[in-house]
Amino acid sequence: MSKPINLNRVRKQRARDTARQQADENAVNFGRTKAQKQVEAFDSARAGSALDGAKLDGSDADRSETQGADAPEPKTQVADNGNAISNKAEREPDR
């Protein structure tokens, strides 16, 4: 007489085998090694820092050229006495 088998164990083993086979196929199709990922991250960071270093100064002359004539005027607030307040530094301090 043959030895009885646990069908749950066989089912789970078959599922593990198919998952392992799918993982191997995905690794071939999409996988990169950890070293490849680190090299790509380093290159990306280096390129980003090179771009940040090449940015132009954010002076007012540059901003006026980029905004053009159709740029909206900055919003102003009206104080209690009717004078316009253009920025937070001129307003009364918060208490």
C-alpha atoms as a PDB file:
ATOM      1  CA  MET A   1       0.000   0.000   0.000  1.00  0.00           C
ATOM      2  CA  SER A   2       1.252   3.504  -0.802  1.00  0.00           C
ATOM      3  CA  LYS A   3       1.905   6.210   1.702  1.00  0.00           C
ATOM      4  CA  PRO A   4      -0.869   8.851   1.982  1.00  0.00           C
ATOM      5  CA  ILE A   5       0.030  12.375   0.822  1.00  0.00           C
ATOM      6  CA  ASN A   6      -1.097  15.699   2.165  1.00  0.00           C
ATOM      7  CA  LEU A   7      -2.920  17.450  -0.681  1.00  0.00           C
ATOM      8  CA  ASN A   8      -2.546  20.875   0.953  1.00  0.00           C
ATOM      9  CA  ARG A   9       1.216  20.448   1.045  1.00  0.00           C
ATOM     10  CA  VAL A  10       1.288  19.428  -2.638  1.00  0.00           C
ATOM     11  CA  ARG A  11      -0.929  22.362  -3.627  1.00  0.00           C
ATOM     12  CA  LYS A  12       1.238  24.869  -1.740  1.00  0.00           C
ATOM     13  CA  GLN A  13       4.448  23.427  -3.186  1.00  0.00           C
ATOM     14  CA  ARG A  14       3.038  23.683  -6.721  1.00  0.00           C
ATOM     15  CA  ALA A  15       2.063  27.328  -6.044  1.00  0.00           C
ATOM     16  CA  ARG A  16       5.594  28.063  -4.765  1.00  0.00           C
ATOM     17  CA  ASP A  17       7.125  26.484  -7.843  1.00  0.00           C
ATOM     18  CA  THR A  18       4.986  28.514 -10.257  1.00  0.00           C
ATOM     19  CA  ALA A  19       5.675  31.720  -8.288  1.00  0.00           C
ATOM     20  CA  ARG A  20       9.418  31.009  -8.373  1.00  0.00           C
ATOM     21  CA  GLN A  21       9.256  30.363 -12.123  1.00  0.00           C
ATOM     22  CA  GLN A  22       7.336  33.630 -12.677  1.00  0.00           C
ATOM     23  CA  ALA A  23       9.869  35.511 -10.532  1.00  0.00           C
ATOM     24  CA  ASP A  24      12.748  34.102 -12.564  1.00  0.00           C
ATOM     25  CA  GLU A  25      11.066  35.183 -15.816  1.00  0.00           C
ATOM     26  CA  ASN A  26      10.464  38.672 -14.421  1.00  0.00           C
ATOM     27  CA  ALA A  27      14.079  38.918 -13.270  1.00  0.00           C
ATOM     28  CA  VAL A  28      15.255  38.143 -16.793  1.00  0.00           C
ATOM     29  CA  ASN A  29      12.820  40.594 -18.394  1.00  0.00           C
ATOM     30  CA  PHE A  30      12.856  43.503 -15.928  1.00  0.00           C
ATOM     31  CA  GLY A  31      15.557  42.883 -13.362  1.00  0.00           C
ATOM     32  CA  ARG A  32      18.673  44.836 -12.674  1.00  0.00           C
ATOM     33  CA  THR A  33      21.318  44.031 -10.133  1.00  0.00           C
ATOM     34  CA  LYS A  34      21.724  46.107  -7.003  1.00  0.00           C
ATOM     35  CA  ALA A  35      24.982  47.496  -8.370  1.00  0.00           C
ATOM     36  CA  GLN A  36      23.261  48.617 -11.575  1.00  0.00           C
ATOM     37  CA  LYS A  37      20.561  50.394  -9.545  1.00  0.00           C
ATOM     38  CA  GLN A  38      23.191  52.142  -7.406  1.00  0.00           C
ATOM     39  CA  VAL A  39      25.130  53.296 -10.458  1.00  0.00           C
ATOM     40  CA  GLU A  40      21.960  54.675 -12.040  1.00  0.00           C
ATOM     41  CA  ALA A  41      20.985  56.474  -8.809  1.00  0.00           C
ATOM     42  CA  PHE A  42      24.483  57.978  -8.558  1.00  0.00           C
ATOM     43  CA  ASP A  43      24.408  59.156 -12.183  1.00  0.00           C
ATOM     44  CA  SER A  44      20.959  60.664 -11.680  1.00  0.00           C
ATOM     45  CA  ALA A  45      22.067  62.519  -8.541  1.00  0.00           C
ATOM     46  CA  ARG A  46      25.213  63.777 -10.268  1.00  0.00           C
ATOM     47  CA  ALA A  47      23.206  65.022 -13.261  1.00  0.00           C
ATOM     48  CA  GLY A  48      20.720  66.731 -10.944  1.00  0.00           C
ATOM     49  CA  SER A  49      23.451  68.517  -9.017  1.00  0.00           C
ATOM     50  CA  ALA A  50      25.056  69.604 -12.290  1.00  0.00           C
ATOM     51  CA  LEU A  51      21.751  71.090 -13.410  1.00  0.00           C
ATOM     52  CA  ASP A  52      21.256  72.843 -10.072  1.00  0.00           C
ATOM     53  CA  GLY A  53      24.738  74.306 -10.334  1.00  0.00           C
ATOM     54  CA  ALA A  54      24.027  75.632 -13.828  1.00  0.00           C
ATOM     55  CA  LYS A  55      20.843  77.491 -12.846  1.00  0.00           C
ATOM     56  CA  LEU A  56      20.867  81.214 -13.329  1.00  0.00           C
ATOM     57  CA  ASP A  57      20.727  83.639 -10.455  1.00  0.00           C
ATOM     58  CA  GLY A  58      17.155  84.445  -9.365  1.00  0.00           C
ATOM     59  CA  SER A  59      17.578  88.251  -9.519  1.00  0.00           C
ATOM     60  CA  ASP A  60      14.720  90.703 -10.156  1.00  0.00           C
ATOM     61  CA  ALA A  61      15.932  91.532 -13.674  1.00  0.00           C
ATOM     62  CA  ASP A  62      15.550  87.889 -14.701  1.00  0.00           C
ATOM     63  CA  ARG A  63      12.044  87.680 -13.250  1.00  0.00           C
ATOM     64  CA  SER A  64      10.819  90.780 -15.049  1.00  0.00           C
ATOM     65  CA  GLU A  65      11.995  89.378 -18.373  1.00  0.00           C
ATOM     66  CA  THR A  66      10.265  86.053 -17.843  1.00  0.00           C
ATOM     67  CA  GLN A  67       6.935  87.486 -16.650  1.00  0.00           C
ATOM     68  CA  GLY A  68       6.351  89.705 -19.658  1.00  0.00           C
ATOM     69  CA  ALA A  69       3.799  92.498 -20.009  1.00  0.00           C
ATOM     70  CA  ASP A  70       0.755  90.320 -19.308  1.00  0.00           C
ATOM     71  CA  ALA A  71       1.874  89.349 -15.802  1.00  0.00           C
ATOM     72  CA  PRO A  72      -0.682  90.140 -13.072  1.00  0.00           C
ATOM     73  CA  GLU A  73       0.093  92.808 -10.531  1.00  0.00           C
ATOM     74  CA  PRO A  74       0.906  91.624  -7.010  1.00  0.00           C
ATOM     75  CA  LYS A  75      -2.066  91.638  -4.654  1.00  0.00           C
ATOM     76  CA  THR A  76      -2.213  94.440  -2.132  1.00  0.00           C
ATOM     77  CA  GLN A  77      -4.194  94.818   1.046  1.00  0.00           C
ATOM     78  CA  VAL A  78      -5.841  97.930   2.372  1.00  0.00           C
ATOM     79  CA  ALA A  79      -5.042  99.043   5.907  1.00  0.00           C
ATOM     80  CA  ASP A  80      -7.592 100.538   8.314  1.00  0.00           C
ATOM     81  CA  ASN A  81      -6.565 104.072   7.321  1.00  0.00           C
ATOM     82  CA  GLY A  82      -7.072 103.379   3.596  1.00  0.00           C
ATOM     83  CA  ASN A  83      -3.381 103.058   2.637  1.00  0.00           C
ATOM     84  CA  ALA A  84      -2.379 100.081   0.521  1.00  0.00           C
ATOM     85  CA  ILE A  85      -0.060  97.502   2.118  1.00  0.00           C
ATOM     86  CA  SER A  86       2.064  95.639  -0.400  1.00  0.00           C
ATOM     87  CA  ASN A  87       3.942  93.069   1.703  1.00  0.00           C
ATOM     88  CA  LYS A  88       3.916  91.450   5.102  1.00  0.00           C
ATOM     89  CA  ALA A  89       6.885  93.452   6.402  1.00  0.00           C
ATOM     90  CA  GLU A  90       4.837  96.669   6.238  1.00  0.00           C
ATOM     91  CA  ARG A  91       1.817  95.185   8.043  1.00  0.00           C
ATOM     92  CA  GLU A  92       1.349  95.275  11.771  1.00  0.00           C
ATOM     93  CA  PRO A  93       3.033  92.346  13.509  1.00  0.00           C
ATOM     94  CA  ASP A  94       0.863  89.385  14.468  1.00  0.00           C
ATOM     95  CA  ARG A  95       0.108  89.123  18.170  1.00  0.00           C
END
